[in-house]
């Protein structure tokens, strides 16, 4: 999965009008058992250029990657533009591939067809980490026609912890298991977390107690 982003540094945050926060790991910060001390990715242009040179890429041989995203989405189109700008700074050429979500989902089912990087939004339908981890990061979520683990990420320990946490009712125990899951996935770096958006709600002054 690639939520291609550009981690929301102070520079890129200006493009969100201040209505987003840089994530820490794969779990939305509003979901129970979110681990606030999860490592946070940062931009390091010098190191990125060095690593690309060590891999055999440079001005004479730029690295070219395709970026799949939902074309009608203004947010994802903007993400593509930001990716082009930021990755272009280190010598990576991003080729946008706008498409419908069903088309993107279809390409995600096979390693041979999935774009090099792609954008997925995670809207947690219910407040539990299992919704995110089982749908995006468990190896069983790869392929099968509707799998959202389009990066074909597989870590046996992550699978085991997700399965174990799902069957436990003790909140303290689940918290520890999910903390390990977040750390393992972040260490493996199968994706770049884009942003945790802030939702703006407008209501009349007489509306009280809204949450």
Foldseek 3Di string as FASTA:
>chain_A
DAQDAQFCDVVNCVVVVVFWDGDQFQDQPVFPLDDPPRDGDHDDLVVLLVVCVVVPDDPVHAAEFEEEEAQVDPVVVVRQVNCCVVVVSSRYHYHYDHDHPLVQQQQLQDPVRHTPHYRDDDDQPDRHCLSRCVQAPDLVLHHPSRRNVSLSHYDPLLNVLSVVLVPDPDSVVNSVSVVVNRNVCVVVPSYRDHTNGHDDDDDDPVDPDDD
